[in-house]
Protein backbone atom coordinates (compact mmCIF):
# COMPACT_ATOMS: atom_id res chain seq x y z
CA UNK A 1 -19.07 48.05 190.95
CA UNK A 2 -16.62 49.09 193.65
CA UNK A 3 -14.53 46.42 195.33
CA UNK A 4 -14.34 46.15 199.11
CA UNK A 5 -11.51 44.40 200.92
CA UNK A 6 -10.93 43.42 204.53
CA UNK A 7 -7.44 44.55 205.52
CA UNK A 8 -5.25 45.06 208.60
CA UNK A 9 -4.34 48.72 209.20
CA UNK A 10 -0.66 49.68 209.19
CA UNK A 11 -0.48 53.22 210.63
CA UNK A 12 2.35 55.63 209.78
CA UNK A 13 2.96 58.80 211.77
CA UNK A 14 6.00 60.24 209.98
CA UNK A 15 5.63 59.22 206.35
CA UNK A 16 3.13 58.58 203.56
CA UNK A 17 3.11 55.71 201.08
CA UNK A 18 1.46 56.57 197.76
CA UNK A 19 0.41 54.02 195.13
CA UNK A 20 3.37 52.85 193.10
CA UNK A 21 5.93 53.39 195.85
CA UNK A 22 8.10 50.52 197.11
CA UNK A 23 9.49 51.37 200.54
CA UNK A 24 10.97 49.67 203.60
CA UNK A 25 9.06 50.27 206.84
CA UNK A 26 10.68 49.71 210.21
CA UNK A 27 8.68 47.45 212.51
CA UNK A 28 9.21 49.76 215.46
CA UNK A 29 5.73 49.77 217.00
CA UNK A 30 3.44 46.97 218.12
CA UNK A 31 0.74 48.27 215.74
CA UNK A 32 2.98 48.03 212.69
CA UNK A 33 4.29 44.62 213.72
CA UNK A 34 0.73 43.36 214.32
CA UNK A 35 -0.40 44.57 210.88
CA UNK A 36 2.50 42.80 209.19
CA UNK A 37 1.90 39.60 211.16
CA UNK A 38 -1.79 39.68 210.24
CA UNK A 39 -1.04 40.25 206.56
CA UNK A 40 1.42 37.36 206.50
CA UNK A 41 -1.27 35.07 207.88
CA UNK A 42 -3.77 35.94 205.12
CA UNK A 43 -2.94 37.38 201.68
CA UNK A 44 0.07 39.64 202.44
CA UNK A 45 -1.93 42.84 201.97
CA UNK A 46 -2.20 45.78 204.38
CA UNK A 47 -3.87 49.17 204.36
CA UNK A 48 -1.13 51.75 204.98
CA UNK A 49 -2.78 54.76 206.60
CA UNK A 50 -1.24 58.12 207.59
CA UNK A 51 -1.90 59.06 211.20
CA UNK A 52 -1.28 62.75 211.68
CA UNK A 53 -1.88 64.50 215.00
CA UNK A 54 -3.23 61.22 216.33
CA UNK A 55 -5.98 60.99 213.70
CA UNK A 56 -6.29 58.34 211.01
CA UNK A 57 -6.71 59.58 207.45
CA UNK A 58 -9.89 58.64 205.60
CA UNK A 59 -7.96 57.36 202.59
CA UNK A 60 -5.17 54.80 202.79
CA UNK A 61 -2.98 52.87 200.37
CA UNK A 62 -3.56 49.19 199.72
CA UNK A 63 -0.07 47.69 199.80
CA UNK A 64 1.47 44.26 199.29
CA UNK A 65 4.18 42.88 201.57
CA UNK A 66 7.10 42.24 199.23
CA UNK A 67 9.54 41.14 201.89
CA UNK A 68 9.91 40.93 205.67
CA UNK A 69 13.35 40.80 207.23
CA UNK A 70 16.05 43.02 208.69
CA UNK A 71 17.82 46.14 207.52
CA UNK A 72 21.65 46.24 207.39
CA UNK A 73 21.46 47.94 210.80
CA UNK A 74 19.75 44.87 212.21
CA UNK A 75 16.34 46.51 212.62
CA UNK A 76 13.27 44.50 211.64
CA UNK A 77 11.52 45.89 208.58
CA UNK A 78 8.98 45.11 205.90
CA UNK A 79 9.16 46.17 202.26
CA UNK A 80 5.74 47.19 200.95
CA UNK A 81 4.54 48.11 197.45
CA UNK A 82 1.63 50.52 197.18
CA UNK A 83 -1.06 49.40 194.76
CA UNK A 84 -3.97 51.83 194.99
CA UNK A 85 -6.14 54.09 197.10
CA UNK A 86 -8.90 52.83 199.34
CA UNK A 87 -11.46 54.53 201.55
CA UNK A 88 -11.51 53.32 205.13
CA UNK A 89 -14.82 51.87 206.25
CA UNK A 90 -16.02 50.32 209.49
CA UNK A 91 -13.96 48.06 211.70
CA UNK A 92 -14.24 44.30 211.27
CA UNK A 93 -12.86 41.26 213.00
CA UNK A 94 -9.70 39.58 211.80
CA UNK A 95 -6.87 37.36 212.97
CA UNK A 96 -4.16 38.54 215.33
CA UNK A 97 -3.87 41.76 217.31
CA UNK A 98 -4.13 44.12 214.32
CA UNK A 99 -6.93 46.60 213.67
CA UNK A 100 -8.97 45.32 210.71
CA UNK A 101 -11.25 47.49 208.56
CA UNK A 102 -13.31 47.35 205.42
CA UNK A 103 -11.54 49.21 202.62
CA UNK A 104 -13.30 50.30 199.42
CA UNK A 105 -10.98 50.68 196.44
CA UNK A 106 -10.95 54.12 194.82
CA UNK A 107 -9.78 53.84 191.18
CA UNK A 108 -8.48 56.81 189.21
CA UNK A 109 -10.80 58.52 186.75
CA UNK A 110 -10.47 58.04 182.98
CA UNK A 111 -7.80 60.24 181.41
CA UNK A 112 -8.99 63.57 179.99
CA UNK A 113 -7.33 66.14 177.78
CA UNK A 114 -6.89 68.53 180.70
CA UNK A 115 -5.23 65.79 182.76
CA UNK A 116 -2.79 65.15 179.93
CA UNK A 117 -1.94 68.87 179.68
CA UNK A 118 -1.31 69.20 183.41
CA UNK A 119 0.69 65.98 183.49
CA UNK A 120 2.92 67.33 180.71
CA UNK A 121 3.44 70.59 182.62
CA UNK A 122 4.19 68.80 185.87
CA UNK A 123 6.58 66.39 184.18
CA UNK A 124 8.51 69.30 182.67
CA UNK A 125 8.88 70.90 186.11
CA UNK A 126 10.05 67.65 187.68
CA UNK A 127 12.54 66.97 184.89
CA UNK A 128 13.98 70.49 185.27
CA UNK A 129 14.52 69.89 189.00
CA UNK A 130 16.10 66.49 188.38
CA UNK A 131 18.41 67.92 185.71
CA UNK A 132 19.82 70.37 188.25
CA UNK A 133 20.61 67.41 190.49
CA UNK A 134 22.06 65.31 187.69
CA UNK A 135 19.57 62.50 188.37
CA UNK A 136 19.58 61.19 184.81
CA UNK A 137 18.35 57.67 185.56
CA UNK A 138 15.38 59.06 187.48
CA UNK A 139 14.64 61.38 184.56
CA UNK A 140 14.52 58.39 182.22
CA UNK A 141 12.03 56.66 184.52
CA UNK A 142 9.83 59.75 184.81
CA UNK A 143 9.85 60.31 181.05
CA UNK A 144 8.48 56.80 180.50
CA UNK A 145 5.37 57.40 182.65
CA UNK A 146 2.35 58.20 180.49
CA UNK A 147 -0.53 57.75 182.95
CA UNK A 148 -1.39 61.09 184.69
CA UNK A 149 -2.45 59.44 187.94
CA UNK A 150 0.69 57.33 188.13
CA UNK A 151 2.82 60.39 187.38
CA UNK A 152 1.15 62.38 190.15
CA UNK A 153 1.79 59.64 192.68
CA UNK A 154 5.55 59.73 192.01
CA UNK A 155 5.42 62.90 194.13
CA UNK A 156 5.66 60.56 197.09
CA UNK A 157 9.42 60.66 196.45
CA UNK A 158 9.64 64.46 196.24
CA UNK A 159 11.98 65.72 198.97
CA UNK A 160 10.55 69.25 198.78
CA UNK A 161 7.08 68.05 199.86
CA UNK A 162 6.49 67.43 203.55
CA UNK A 163 4.34 64.74 205.13
CA UNK A 164 1.27 67.00 205.23
CA UNK A 165 1.50 67.72 201.50
CA UNK A 166 1.87 64.04 200.67
CA UNK A 167 -1.03 63.13 202.95
CA UNK A 168 -3.13 65.70 201.10
CA UNK A 169 -2.19 64.09 197.78
CA UNK A 170 -3.16 60.67 199.08
CA UNK A 171 -6.51 61.98 200.31
CA UNK A 172 -7.27 63.65 196.96
CA UNK A 173 -9.04 61.04 194.85
CA UNK A 174 -9.44 63.35 191.83
CA UNK A 175 -6.42 62.98 189.54
CA UNK A 176 -6.97 66.40 187.98
CA UNK A 177 -6.95 68.12 191.37
CA UNK A 178 -3.83 66.20 192.41
CA UNK A 179 -2.02 67.46 189.33
CA UNK A 180 -3.21 71.02 189.93
CA UNK A 181 -1.83 70.89 193.47
CA UNK A 182 1.47 69.46 192.29
CA UNK A 183 1.95 72.05 189.57
CA UNK A 184 1.27 74.81 192.10
CA UNK A 185 3.56 73.39 194.79
CA UNK A 186 6.36 72.58 192.37
CA UNK A 187 6.29 76.06 190.82
CA UNK A 188 6.53 77.52 194.32
CA UNK A 189 9.51 75.28 195.05
CA UNK A 190 11.26 76.27 191.82
CA UNK A 191 10.67 79.97 192.59
CA UNK A 192 12.08 79.53 196.10
CA UNK A 193 15.12 77.75 194.69
CA UNK A 194 15.74 80.57 192.21
CA UNK A 195 15.59 83.16 195.01
CA UNK A 196 17.93 81.08 197.18
CA UNK A 197 20.40 80.70 194.31
CA UNK A 198 20.32 84.45 193.61
CA UNK A 199 20.96 85.24 197.27
CA UNK A 200 23.83 82.73 197.35
CA UNK A 201 25.31 84.25 194.19
CA UNK A 202 25.02 87.79 195.57
CA UNK A 203 26.66 86.74 198.84
CA UNK A 204 29.47 84.95 197.00
CA UNK A 205 30.12 87.92 194.71
CA UNK A 206 30.04 90.25 197.71
CA UNK A 207 32.59 88.12 199.53
CA UNK A 208 34.83 87.99 196.47
CA UNK A 209 34.70 91.78 196.15
CA UNK A 210 35.51 92.19 199.84
CA UNK A 211 38.46 89.82 199.49
CA UNK A 212 39.76 91.72 196.46
CA UNK A 213 39.52 95.01 198.33
CA UNK A 214 41.27 93.51 201.34
CA UNK A 215 44.15 92.19 199.22
CA UNK A 216 44.49 95.57 197.51
CA UNK A 217 44.70 97.35 200.87
CA UNK A 218 47.32 94.85 202.01
CA UNK A 219 49.35 95.43 198.86
CA UNK A 220 49.16 99.21 199.22
CA UNK A 221 50.16 98.95 202.87
CA UNK A 222 53.16 96.79 201.92
CA UNK A 223 54.22 99.31 199.26
CA UNK A 224 54.00 102.19 201.75
CA UNK A 225 56.04 100.21 204.24
CA UNK A 226 58.77 99.50 201.68
CA UNK A 227 58.87 103.19 200.75
CA UNK A 228 58.95 104.14 204.41
CA UNK A 229 56.11 106.58 203.87
CA UNK A 230 52.63 107.19 205.20
CA UNK A 231 49.64 107.39 202.93
CA UNK A 232 51.00 108.88 199.69
CA UNK A 233 49.33 111.88 198.17
CA UNK A 234 46.77 110.87 195.62
CA UNK A 235 46.57 107.29 196.87
CA UNK A 236 42.80 107.46 197.09
CA UNK A 237 42.63 108.33 193.43
CA UNK A 238 45.15 105.58 192.62
CA UNK A 239 43.11 103.03 194.58
CA UNK A 240 39.88 104.00 192.85
CA UNK A 241 41.55 103.61 189.46
CA UNK A 242 43.00 100.22 190.36
CA UNK A 243 39.66 98.97 191.72
């Protein structure tokens, strides 16, 4: 039997919180502040919902308020911990000025062999990216994750995925499909990185060659000046042999 909760909505326009993430949220808008106030008055739970192009997503993240205070900059903020997905239902009444809704929990499906295969492939891609960055502690954390759904939701931290991609992951309740998307997107990112690195290498090698040729011309010019001569006969052949 599915569980239904009554929760205040905490809308986010520029970020997505996936289950498992622990993030600080600035209390910049009245809506966010109202949701936090409402949660503090009840059971410290909110429904964090992406709001893209002015539209609320149909799936949000049930999150617990871990802490409410101020950032080092002095801004008011709340630290939330995502717990799971929930489908947004009809509006209901609740305390304070927040928008309250019914939220039906959406649990992940049982693990299948195909999920395990895709999770292994995705983990290998992520580890390869992290190795390039030298993020060894993060690698250790990723390696310890065995649940495919939990692994997929770590993509909320991926810097190469934009808000739209992360919102799509949140909205996808099928773990297998989430992993398929992530493998596809991550392979595309790796391919783009390889092309960028090749271009950078080609440019660097081209610049080094140009610099070598410039120095050689300067040296030849200095030699001609010392000899008090113009371009010596056969200098083109000499230059080609030196290069």
